[in-house]
Amino acid sequence: MYGERDLKNPAIIVDTNHSNSNKQFKQQIRIAKEVLHSRKLDSDIRRMVKGLMIESYIEEGNQKIGEGVYGRSITDPCLGWKDSEELIYHIAETA
């Protein structure tokens, strides 16, 4: 569809959370790795996928407002720093 529109710089940012992960925040790791794998296999995907949106915070998961856990999201559940750091290094080594 992008090819039909003759766009100058088509780009895709893949949201690894929300609907793609069925709101299972740990699935972001698998999804990010699958996107990287797909970029290796397909030149169109490699050219068009410019980035990943990964929900990350200091502490994993989320909390209700007022629970008082420093570094934990009060909105969507997020990867914690340990998983985020490992995923960042994996992306850097793979991309």
N, C-alpha and C. Protein backbone atom coordinates (compact mmCIF):
# COMPACT_ATOMS: atom_id res chain seq x y z
N MET A 1 0.83 -1.20 0.00
CA MET A 1 0.00 0.00 0.00
C MET A 1 0.87 1.25 0.00
N TYR A 2 1.98 1.21 0.73
CA TYR A 2 2.87 2.37 0.71
C TYR A 2 3.42 2.61 -0.69
N GLY A 3 3.76 1.53 -1.40
CA GLY A 3 4.30 1.64 -2.75
C GLY A 3 3.32 2.29 -3.71
N GLU A 4 2.04 2.00 -3.54
CA GLU A 4 1.00 2.58 -4.39
C GLU A 4 0.85 4.08 -4.20
N ARG A 5 1.23 4.58 -3.06
CA ARG A 5 1.05 6.00 -2.75
C ARG A 5 2.27 6.85 -3.14
N ASP A 6 3.35 6.22 -3.56
CA ASP A 6 4.56 6.94 -3.97
C ASP A 6 5.04 7.91 -2.88
N LEU A 7 5.08 7.43 -1.65
CA LEU A 7 5.56 8.25 -0.53
C LEU A 7 7.07 8.43 -0.63
N LYS A 8 7.54 9.58 -0.24
CA LYS A 8 8.97 9.89 -0.33
C LYS A 8 9.81 9.13 0.69
N ASN A 9 9.34 9.02 1.90
CA ASN A 9 10.10 8.36 2.94
C ASN A 9 9.16 7.53 3.82
N PRO A 10 8.66 6.41 3.31
CA PRO A 10 7.73 5.62 4.11
C PRO A 10 8.42 5.07 5.36
N ALA A 11 7.71 5.09 6.46
CA ALA A 11 8.30 4.63 7.72
C ALA A 11 7.22 4.01 8.60
N ILE A 12 7.65 3.01 9.36
CA ILE A 12 6.77 2.33 10.31
C ILE A 12 7.47 2.28 11.66
N ILE A 13 6.75 2.64 12.70
CA ILE A 13 7.18 2.44 14.08
C ILE A 13 6.23 1.38 14.64
N VAL A 14 6.77 0.26 15.10
CA VAL A 14 5.94 -0.83 15.61
C VAL A 14 5.73 -0.66 17.11
N ASP A 15 4.46 -0.59 17.50
CA ASP A 15 4.09 -0.54 18.91
C ASP A 15 4.11 -1.97 19.44
N THR A 16 5.05 -2.28 20.30
CA THR A 16 5.20 -3.65 20.80
C THR A 16 4.22 -3.96 21.94
N ASN A 17 3.52 -2.97 22.43
CA ASN A 17 2.59 -3.20 23.55
C ASN A 17 1.15 -3.06 23.06
N HIS A 18 0.25 -2.78 23.91
CA HIS A 18 -1.16 -2.57 23.63
C HIS A 18 -1.76 -3.76 22.89
N SER A 19 -2.37 -3.55 21.74
CA SER A 19 -3.04 -4.63 21.01
C SER A 19 -2.06 -5.69 20.53
N ASN A 20 -0.86 -5.30 20.14
CA ASN A 20 0.10 -6.27 19.63
C ASN A 20 0.51 -7.30 20.68
N SER A 21 0.55 -6.88 21.93
CA SER A 21 0.93 -7.80 23.01
C SER A 21 -0.28 -8.30 23.79
N ASN A 22 -1.47 -7.90 23.35
CA ASN A 22 -2.69 -8.21 24.09
C ASN A 22 -2.58 -7.73 25.53
N LYS A 23 -1.90 -6.60 25.69
CA LYS A 23 -1.66 -5.96 26.99
C LYS A 23 -0.90 -6.85 27.98
N GLN A 24 -0.11 -7.78 27.45
CA GLN A 24 0.77 -8.61 28.27
C GLN A 24 2.18 -8.04 28.10
N PHE A 25 2.55 -7.12 28.99
CA PHE A 25 3.74 -6.30 28.78
C PHE A 25 5.02 -7.09 28.54
N LYS A 26 5.17 -8.27 29.11
CA LYS A 26 6.38 -9.08 28.90
C LYS A 26 6.48 -9.57 27.45
N GLN A 27 5.35 -9.62 26.73
CA GLN A 27 5.36 -10.05 25.34
C GLN A 27 6.06 -9.04 24.43
N GLN A 28 6.29 -7.83 24.92
CA GLN A 28 7.01 -6.83 24.13
C GLN A 28 8.39 -7.35 23.70
N ILE A 29 9.00 -8.13 24.55
CA ILE A 29 10.34 -8.68 24.25
C ILE A 29 10.25 -9.59 23.03
N ARG A 30 9.30 -10.50 23.04
CA ARG A 30 9.12 -11.42 21.91
C ARG A 30 8.78 -10.66 20.64
N ILE A 31 7.88 -9.72 20.73
CA ILE A 31 7.44 -8.97 19.56
C ILE A 31 8.60 -8.18 18.97
N ALA A 32 9.38 -7.52 19.81
CA ALA A 32 10.54 -6.77 19.31
C ALA A 32 11.51 -7.69 18.59
N LYS A 33 11.77 -8.85 19.16
CA LYS A 33 12.69 -9.81 18.53
C LYS A 33 12.13 -10.34 17.21
N GLU A 34 10.82 -10.56 17.14
CA GLU A 34 10.21 -11.02 15.89
C GLU A 34 10.30 -9.96 14.80
N VAL A 35 10.12 -8.70 15.17
CA VAL A 35 10.25 -7.61 14.19
C VAL A 35 11.68 -7.56 13.68
N LEU A 36 12.65 -7.66 14.57
CA LEU A 36 14.06 -7.65 14.14
C LEU A 36 14.35 -8.82 13.21
N HIS A 37 13.80 -9.99 13.53
CA HIS A 37 13.99 -11.17 12.67
C HIS A 37 13.36 -10.93 11.29
N SER A 38 12.16 -10.36 11.27
CA SER A 38 11.48 -10.08 10.00
C SER A 38 12.27 -9.08 9.16
N ARG A 39 12.93 -8.12 9.82
CA ARG A 39 13.75 -7.14 9.09
C ARG A 39 14.92 -7.83 8.39
N LYS A 40 15.44 -8.88 9.00
CA LYS A 40 16.55 -9.61 8.39
C LYS A 40 16.09 -10.37 7.14
N LEU A 41 14.85 -10.84 7.15
CA LEU A 41 14.35 -11.71 6.09
C LEU A 41 13.76 -10.95 4.90
N ASP A 42 13.31 -9.73 5.12
CA ASP A 42 12.57 -9.02 4.07
C ASP A 42 13.11 -7.61 3.90
N SER A 43 13.59 -7.30 2.71
CA SER A 43 14.19 -5.98 2.46
C SER A 43 13.18 -4.84 2.58
N ASP A 44 11.91 -5.09 2.21
CA ASP A 44 10.89 -4.05 2.37
C ASP A 44 10.67 -3.73 3.84
N ILE A 45 10.59 -4.76 4.67
CA ILE A 45 10.41 -4.55 6.11
C ILE A 45 11.64 -3.84 6.67
N ARG A 46 12.83 -4.27 6.27
CA ARG A 46 14.06 -3.64 6.75
C ARG A 46 14.08 -2.15 6.40
N ARG A 47 13.65 -1.82 5.19
CA ARG A 47 13.68 -0.43 4.74
C ARG A 47 12.62 0.41 5.45
N MET A 48 11.47 -0.17 5.72
CA MET A 48 10.35 0.63 6.23
C MET A 48 10.27 0.71 7.75
N VAL A 49 10.63 -0.35 8.45
CA VAL A 49 10.54 -0.32 9.92
C VAL A 49 11.71 0.49 10.47
N LYS A 50 11.40 1.64 11.00
CA LYS A 50 12.42 2.58 11.50
C LYS A 50 12.61 2.50 13.00
N GLY A 51 11.65 1.89 13.71
CA GLY A 51 11.80 1.85 15.16
C GLY A 51 10.73 1.03 15.84
N LEU A 52 10.89 0.90 17.14
CA LEU A 52 9.97 0.16 17.99
C LEU A 52 9.52 1.07 19.13
N MET A 53 8.26 0.99 19.48
CA MET A 53 7.78 1.68 20.66
C MET A 53 7.64 0.63 21.75
N ILE A 54 8.43 0.77 22.80
CA ILE A 54 8.46 -0.20 23.88
C ILE A 54 8.13 0.54 25.18
N GLU A 55 7.14 0.05 25.91
CA GLU A 55 6.76 0.68 27.17
C GLU A 55 7.68 0.17 28.27
N SER A 56 8.43 1.10 28.86
CA SER A 56 9.46 0.74 29.83
C SER A 56 9.46 1.75 30.97
N TYR A 57 9.78 1.27 32.15
CA TYR A 57 9.89 2.13 33.32
C TYR A 57 10.93 1.51 34.25
N ILE A 58 11.16 2.10 35.37
CA ILE A 58 12.19 1.58 36.28
C ILE A 58 11.77 0.23 36.86
N GLU A 59 10.57 0.18 37.41
CA GLU A 59 10.02 -1.05 37.98
C GLU A 59 8.99 -1.62 37.02
N GLU A 60 8.94 -2.94 36.86
CA GLU A 60 7.99 -3.53 35.92
C GLU A 60 6.57 -3.49 36.44
N GLY A 61 5.63 -3.61 35.49
CA GLY A 61 4.22 -3.63 35.83
C GLY A 61 3.63 -2.24 35.91
N ASN A 62 2.56 -2.13 36.67
CA ASN A 62 1.94 -0.83 36.90
C ASN A 62 1.28 -0.82 38.28
N GLN A 63 0.77 0.32 38.65
CA GLN A 63 0.14 0.48 39.96
C GLN A 63 -0.98 1.48 39.86
N LYS A 64 -1.86 1.46 40.83
CA LYS A 64 -2.91 2.47 40.92
C LYS A 64 -2.31 3.74 41.53
N ILE A 65 -2.87 4.85 41.16
CA ILE A 65 -2.42 6.13 41.73
C ILE A 65 -2.53 6.05 43.24
N GLY A 66 -1.46 6.46 43.90
CA GLY A 66 -1.46 6.48 45.35
C GLY A 66 -0.85 5.26 46.01
N GLU A 67 -0.52 4.23 45.22
CA GLU A 67 0.10 3.04 45.82
C GLU A 67 1.52 3.33 46.27
N GLY A 68 2.14 4.32 45.69
CA GLY A 68 3.42 4.81 46.19
C GLY A 68 4.66 4.01 45.86
N VAL A 69 4.66 3.24 44.79
CA VAL A 69 5.87 2.51 44.40
C VAL A 69 6.66 3.39 43.44
N TYR A 70 7.79 3.89 43.92
CA TYR A 70 8.62 4.75 43.08
C TYR A 70 9.10 3.99 41.85
N GLY A 71 8.96 4.63 40.69
CA GLY A 71 9.49 4.04 39.47
C GLY A 71 8.58 3.03 38.80
N ARG A 72 7.32 2.93 39.22
CA ARG A 72 6.37 2.01 38.59
C ARG A 72 5.26 2.84 37.94
N SER A 73 4.92 2.49 36.72
CA SER A 73 3.92 3.21 35.93
C SER A 73 2.57 3.26 36.63
N ILE A 74 1.87 4.39 36.44
CA ILE A 74 0.49 4.50 36.92
C ILE A 74 -0.48 4.39 35.73
N THR A 75 0.04 4.07 34.56
CA THR A 75 -0.82 3.87 33.39
C THR A 75 -0.70 2.41 32.95
N ASP A 76 -0.17 2.18 31.74
CA ASP A 76 -0.04 0.82 31.22
C ASP A 76 1.10 0.08 31.90
N PRO A 77 0.98 -1.24 32.03
CA PRO A 77 2.09 -2.04 32.55
C PRO A 77 3.30 -1.91 31.62
N CYS A 78 4.48 -1.83 32.21
CA CYS A 78 5.72 -1.61 31.47
C CYS A 78 6.75 -2.67 31.82
N LEU A 79 7.70 -2.85 30.90
CA LEU A 79 8.88 -3.63 31.22
C LEU A 79 9.66 -2.89 32.29
N GLY A 80 10.31 -3.62 33.17
CA GLY A 80 11.19 -3.00 34.14
C GLY A 80 12.56 -2.74 33.53
N TRP A 81 13.41 -2.04 34.27
CA TRP A 81 14.71 -1.65 33.73
C TRP A 81 15.57 -2.85 33.32
N LYS A 82 15.59 -3.92 34.11
CA LYS A 82 16.44 -5.07 33.79
C LYS A 82 16.08 -5.64 32.42
N ASP A 83 14.80 -5.92 32.19
CA ASP A 83 14.37 -6.44 30.89
C ASP A 83 14.61 -5.42 29.78
N SER A 84 14.37 -4.15 30.07
CA SER A 84 14.56 -3.09 29.07
C SER A 84 16.03 -3.00 28.65
N GLU A 85 16.91 -3.04 29.63
CA GLU A 85 18.34 -2.96 29.34
C GLU A 85 18.78 -4.13 28.46
N GLU A 86 18.36 -5.34 28.82
CA GLU A 86 18.71 -6.52 28.01
C GLU A 86 18.16 -6.41 26.59
N LEU A 87 16.94 -5.92 26.46
CA LEU A 87 16.33 -5.78 25.14
C LEU A 87 17.05 -4.70 24.33
N ILE A 88 17.42 -3.61 24.94
CA ILE A 88 18.16 -2.55 24.24
C ILE A 88 19.48 -3.10 23.70
N TYR A 89 20.19 -3.84 24.50
CA TYR A 89 21.45 -4.42 24.03
C TYR A 89 21.21 -5.43 22.90
N HIS A 90 20.15 -6.21 23.01
CA HIS A 90 19.82 -7.18 21.95
C HIS A 90 19.52 -6.46 20.64
N ILE A 91 18.73 -5.39 20.73
CA ILE A 91 18.39 -4.60 19.54
C ILE A 91 19.66 -4.01 18.93
N ALA A 92 20.52 -3.46 19.76
CA ALA A 92 21.76 -2.85 19.26
C ALA A 92 22.65 -3.88 18.55
N GLU A 93 22.70 -5.07 19.07
CA GLU A 93 23.54 -6.12 18.48
C GLU A 93 22.92 -6.73 17.23
N THR A 94 21.60 -6.66 17.12
CA THR A 94 20.89 -7.34 16.04
C THR A 94 20.54 -6.42 14.87
N ALA A 95 20.19 -5.19 15.17
CA ALA A 95 19.66 -4.29 14.13
C ALA A 95 20.69 -3.87 13.11
